[in-house]
N, C-alpha and C. Protein backbone atom coordinates (compact mmCIF):
# COMPACT_ATOMS: atom_id res chain seq x y z
N MET A 1 36.26 44.13 15.89
CA MET A 1 36.81 42.75 15.81
C MET A 1 36.43 41.89 14.72
N THR A 2 37.20 41.46 13.90
CA THR A 2 36.52 40.37 12.79
C THR A 2 36.01 39.16 13.42
N PRO A 3 35.35 38.38 12.78
CA PRO A 3 35.04 37.13 13.24
C PRO A 3 36.13 36.12 13.55
N LEU A 4 37.27 36.34 13.02
CA LEU A 4 38.31 35.41 13.06
C LEU A 4 39.21 35.93 14.36
N GLN A 5 38.98 37.14 14.88
CA GLN A 5 39.54 37.80 15.92
C GLN A 5 39.05 37.54 17.33
N ILE A 6 38.93 36.48 17.93
CA ILE A 6 38.32 36.02 18.75
C ILE A 6 38.97 36.48 20.23
N ASP A 7 38.33 37.05 20.92
CA ASP A 7 38.96 37.35 22.33
C ASP A 7 39.04 35.95 23.18
N THR A 8 40.12 35.76 23.55
CA THR A 8 40.36 34.28 24.03
C THR A 8 40.03 34.23 25.46
N ARG A 9 39.55 35.40 25.96
CA ARG A 9 38.90 35.32 27.38
C ARG A 9 37.49 34.79 27.10
N GLN A 10 36.79 35.09 25.90
CA GLN A 10 35.53 34.74 25.42
C GLN A 10 35.41 33.47 24.85
N ALA A 11 36.62 32.78 24.77
CA ALA A 11 36.64 31.48 23.72
C ALA A 11 36.05 30.32 24.36
N LYS A 12 35.70 30.35 25.64
CA LYS A 12 35.12 29.26 26.16
C LYS A 12 33.94 29.13 25.96
N GLU A 13 33.14 30.48 26.09
CA GLU A 13 31.65 30.53 25.85
C GLU A 13 31.44 29.93 24.72
N PRO A 14 31.88 29.94 23.49
CA PRO A 14 31.26 29.23 22.28
C PRO A 14 31.22 27.98 22.31
N ALA A 15 32.28 27.55 22.91
CA ALA A 15 32.49 26.04 23.37
C ALA A 15 31.48 25.42 24.14
N ARG A 16 31.10 26.00 25.08
CA ARG A 16 29.77 25.79 26.06
C ARG A 16 28.52 25.82 25.17
N ASP A 17 28.50 26.75 24.24
CA ASP A 17 27.24 26.68 23.16
C ASP A 17 27.28 25.28 22.40
N TYR A 18 28.43 25.12 22.07
CA TYR A 18 28.70 23.80 21.07
C TYR A 18 28.02 22.71 21.72
N HIS A 19 28.61 22.65 23.19
CA HIS A 19 28.38 21.41 24.00
C HIS A 19 26.82 21.46 24.27
N ARG A 20 26.21 22.45 24.42
CA ARG A 20 24.78 22.55 24.49
C ARG A 20 24.24 21.97 23.33
N ILE A 21 24.36 22.37 22.20
CA ILE A 21 23.31 22.32 20.96
C ILE A 21 24.17 21.28 20.06
N GLY A 22 25.57 21.06 20.06
CA GLY A 22 26.28 20.21 19.32
C GLY A 22 26.52 18.87 19.52
N VAL A 23 26.05 18.40 20.65
CA VAL A 23 25.95 16.93 21.19
C VAL A 23 25.46 16.04 20.09
N ARG A 24 24.39 16.51 19.72
CA ARG A 24 23.74 15.70 18.54
C ARG A 24 24.65 15.49 17.45
N ILE A 25 25.20 16.49 16.85
CA ILE A 25 25.92 16.60 15.95
C ILE A 25 27.02 15.38 16.01
N SER A 26 27.76 15.37 17.28
CA SER A 26 28.81 14.46 17.61
C SER A 26 28.25 13.13 17.27
N GLU A 27 26.83 12.94 18.10
CA GLU A 27 26.39 11.60 17.93
C GLU A 27 26.05 10.93 16.64
N LYS A 28 25.60 12.28 15.68
CA LYS A 28 25.18 11.95 14.21
C LYS A 28 26.49 11.26 13.41
N LEU A 29 27.67 12.10 13.91
CA LEU A 29 29.15 11.46 13.25
C LEU A 29 29.37 10.24 13.71
N ALA A 30 29.12 10.03 14.94
CA ALA A 30 29.74 8.57 15.56
C ALA A 30 28.64 7.54 14.90
N LEU A 31 27.58 7.88 14.62
CA LEU A 31 26.62 6.86 13.69
C LEU A 31 27.29 6.57 12.26
N HIS A 32 27.52 7.64 11.72
CA HIS A 32 28.24 7.40 10.27
C HIS A 32 29.48 6.79 10.35
N ASP A 33 30.28 6.99 11.10
CA ASP A 33 31.72 6.41 11.27
C ASP A 33 32.31 6.13 12.72
N PRO A 34 32.03 5.37 13.43
CA PRO A 34 32.30 5.13 14.99
C PRO A 34 33.80 5.10 15.22
N ASN A 35 34.45 5.11 13.99
CA ASN A 35 36.00 5.28 14.09
C ASN A 35 36.47 6.57 14.24
N LEU A 36 35.61 7.52 14.23
CA LEU A 36 36.10 8.92 14.26
C LEU A 36 36.28 8.97 15.62
N THR A 37 37.51 9.70 16.03
CA THR A 37 37.91 10.03 17.66
C THR A 37 37.20 10.99 18.03
N LYS A 38 37.07 11.35 19.49
CA LYS A 38 36.24 12.31 19.92
C LYS A 38 36.79 13.74 19.43
N ARG A 39 38.01 13.73 19.24
CA ARG A 39 38.58 15.40 18.83
C ARG A 39 38.05 15.36 17.43
N GLU A 40 38.14 14.51 16.35
CA GLU A 40 37.75 14.58 15.11
C GLU A 40 36.40 14.90 14.91
N ARG A 41 35.50 14.25 15.99
CA ARG A 41 34.02 14.51 15.96
C ARG A 41 34.06 15.96 16.34
N LEU A 42 34.64 16.50 17.39
CA LEU A 42 34.35 17.86 17.98
C LEU A 42 34.81 18.84 16.98
N VAL A 43 35.97 18.39 16.34
CA VAL A 43 36.41 19.84 15.42
C VAL A 43 35.50 19.81 14.29
N CYS A 44 34.71 18.74 13.65
CA CYS A 44 33.84 18.53 12.69
C CYS A 44 32.28 19.29 13.23
N GLY A 45 32.14 19.00 14.26
CA GLY A 45 31.05 19.57 15.08
C GLY A 45 31.15 21.40 14.95
N PHE A 46 32.20 21.72 15.30
CA PHE A 46 32.74 23.17 15.14
C PHE A 46 32.41 23.58 13.80
N ALA A 47 33.14 22.80 12.76
CA ALA A 47 33.06 23.15 11.52
C ALA A 47 31.67 23.10 10.79
N LEU A 48 30.84 22.13 11.36
CA LEU A 48 29.14 22.33 10.96
C LEU A 48 28.56 23.57 11.54
N ALA A 49 28.99 24.04 12.58
CA ALA A 49 28.35 25.19 13.49
C ALA A 49 28.98 26.40 12.88
N GLY A 50 29.93 26.45 11.84
CA GLY A 50 30.16 27.60 11.06
C GLY A 50 31.46 28.14 11.42
N TYR A 51 32.32 27.61 12.51
CA TYR A 51 33.76 28.23 13.00
C TYR A 51 34.73 27.80 11.95
N ALA A 52 35.52 28.87 11.61
CA ALA A 52 36.99 28.36 10.86
C ALA A 52 37.71 27.73 11.56
N ALA A 53 38.70 26.95 11.00
CA ALA A 53 40.02 26.35 11.73
C ALA A 53 40.60 27.31 12.70
N GLU A 54 40.88 28.63 12.28
CA GLU A 54 41.43 29.38 13.33
C GLU A 54 40.48 29.71 14.54
N GLU A 55 39.32 29.77 14.29
CA GLU A 55 38.51 30.23 15.47
C GLU A 55 38.57 28.67 16.63
N ILE A 56 38.41 27.47 15.68
CA ILE A 56 38.43 26.42 16.48
C ILE A 56 39.88 26.13 17.24
N SER A 57 40.82 26.52 16.72
CA SER A 57 41.97 26.20 17.37
C SER A 57 42.18 27.18 18.66
N LEU A 58 41.57 28.34 18.52
CA LEU A 58 41.56 28.98 19.83
C LEU A 58 40.72 28.74 20.79
N MET A 59 39.74 28.24 20.33
CA MET A 59 38.99 27.55 21.47
C MET A 59 39.21 26.37 22.32
N LEU A 60 40.13 25.62 21.28
CA LEU A 60 40.49 24.19 21.78
C LEU A 60 41.88 24.46 22.43
N GLY A 61 42.49 25.57 22.12
CA GLY A 61 44.02 25.90 22.77
C GLY A 61 44.93 24.86 22.02
N ILE A 62 44.80 24.64 20.77
CA ILE A 62 45.61 23.73 19.84
C ILE A 62 45.85 24.70 18.56
N GLY A 63 47.20 24.11 18.03
CA GLY A 63 47.25 24.83 16.83
C GLY A 63 46.28 24.54 15.46
N THR A 64 46.33 25.71 14.75
CA THR A 64 45.30 25.65 13.70
C THR A 64 45.80 24.49 12.57
N SER A 65 47.14 24.21 12.34
CA SER A 65 47.27 23.15 11.58
C SER A 65 46.91 21.67 12.31
N THR A 66 46.82 21.34 13.66
CA THR A 66 46.28 20.32 14.22
C THR A 66 44.86 20.23 13.81
N ILE A 67 44.11 21.31 13.82
CA ILE A 67 42.68 21.22 13.57
C ILE A 67 42.41 20.81 12.05
N ILE A 68 43.23 21.40 11.27
CA ILE A 68 43.16 21.01 9.96
C ILE A 68 43.41 19.46 9.49
N THR A 69 44.59 19.06 10.16
CA THR A 69 44.64 17.65 10.42
C THR A 69 43.54 16.85 10.79
N TYR A 70 42.89 17.18 12.06
CA TYR A 70 41.86 16.54 12.23
C TYR A 70 40.80 16.49 11.56
N ARG A 71 40.28 17.72 10.91
CA ARG A 71 39.34 17.67 9.93
C ARG A 71 39.47 16.85 8.69
N ARG A 72 40.80 16.96 8.41
CA ARG A 72 41.21 16.27 6.91
C ARG A 72 41.24 14.87 7.02
N ARG A 73 41.39 14.31 8.65
CA ARG A 73 41.48 12.57 8.67
C ARG A 73 39.86 12.38 8.95
N ALA A 74 39.05 13.16 9.42
CA ALA A 74 37.68 12.84 9.61
C ALA A 74 36.86 12.65 8.14
N TYR A 75 37.19 13.60 7.43
CA TYR A 75 36.70 13.83 6.06
C TYR A 75 37.41 12.49 5.23
N SER A 76 38.69 12.10 5.45
CA SER A 76 38.90 10.90 5.00
C SER A 76 37.99 9.65 5.38
N ARG A 77 37.95 9.56 6.56
CA ARG A 77 37.44 8.48 7.17
C ARG A 77 35.71 8.77 6.68
N LEU A 78 35.22 9.69 6.57
CA LEU A 78 33.55 9.62 6.12
C LEU A 78 33.65 9.62 4.68
N GLY A 79 34.66 9.62 4.04
CA GLY A 79 34.54 9.63 2.64
C GLY A 79 34.20 10.84 1.84
N ILE A 80 34.56 11.87 2.28
CA ILE A 80 33.96 13.29 1.71
C ILE A 80 35.20 14.19 1.63
N SER A 81 34.96 15.34 1.03
CA SER A 81 36.18 16.26 0.96
C SER A 81 36.15 17.56 1.31
N ASN A 82 34.71 17.88 1.90
CA ASN A 82 34.62 19.38 2.17
C ASN A 82 33.40 19.71 3.21
N VAL A 83 33.23 20.67 3.89
CA VAL A 83 32.23 20.87 4.98
C VAL A 83 30.79 20.87 4.15
N HIS A 84 30.51 20.88 3.03
CA HIS A 84 29.23 21.19 2.31
C HIS A 84 29.08 19.46 2.40
N LEU A 85 29.93 18.72 1.89
CA LEU A 85 29.54 17.35 1.92
C LEU A 85 29.08 16.62 3.45
N LEU A 86 29.92 17.18 4.22
CA LEU A 86 30.00 17.11 5.66
C LEU A 86 28.29 17.28 6.30
N ILE A 87 27.99 18.29 6.07
CA ILE A 87 26.40 18.67 6.07
C ILE A 87 25.43 17.70 5.48
N SER A 88 25.72 17.39 4.44
CA SER A 88 24.85 16.30 3.61
C SER A 88 24.83 15.13 4.39
N ALA A 89 26.17 14.74 4.62
CA ALA A 89 26.32 13.53 5.41
C ALA A 89 25.71 13.17 6.68
N THR A 90 25.57 14.28 7.50
CA THR A 90 24.86 14.48 8.89
C THR A 90 23.46 14.75 8.66
N ASN A 91 22.72 15.05 7.67
CA ASN A 91 21.37 15.19 7.48
C ASN A 91 20.76 14.08 7.27
């Protein structure tokens, strides 16, 4: 099974891991731009954890295009254009 082929029965486990270690990421993003929605922070947190849009969509149960929209909107609000700049912004 390739990394993008997630068993949906196990999809909730990575989400629990994110909530355990990724709350600080969401808090950092809230400090950088308190206008980010919870969903935008969550999607950015997963992106920072190394998940692709397809993987995030499976974990959250929403479409890949919706994930891309959340990510694009968050990047715009943060004044960045990619995940590498997101990493720099949260350090």
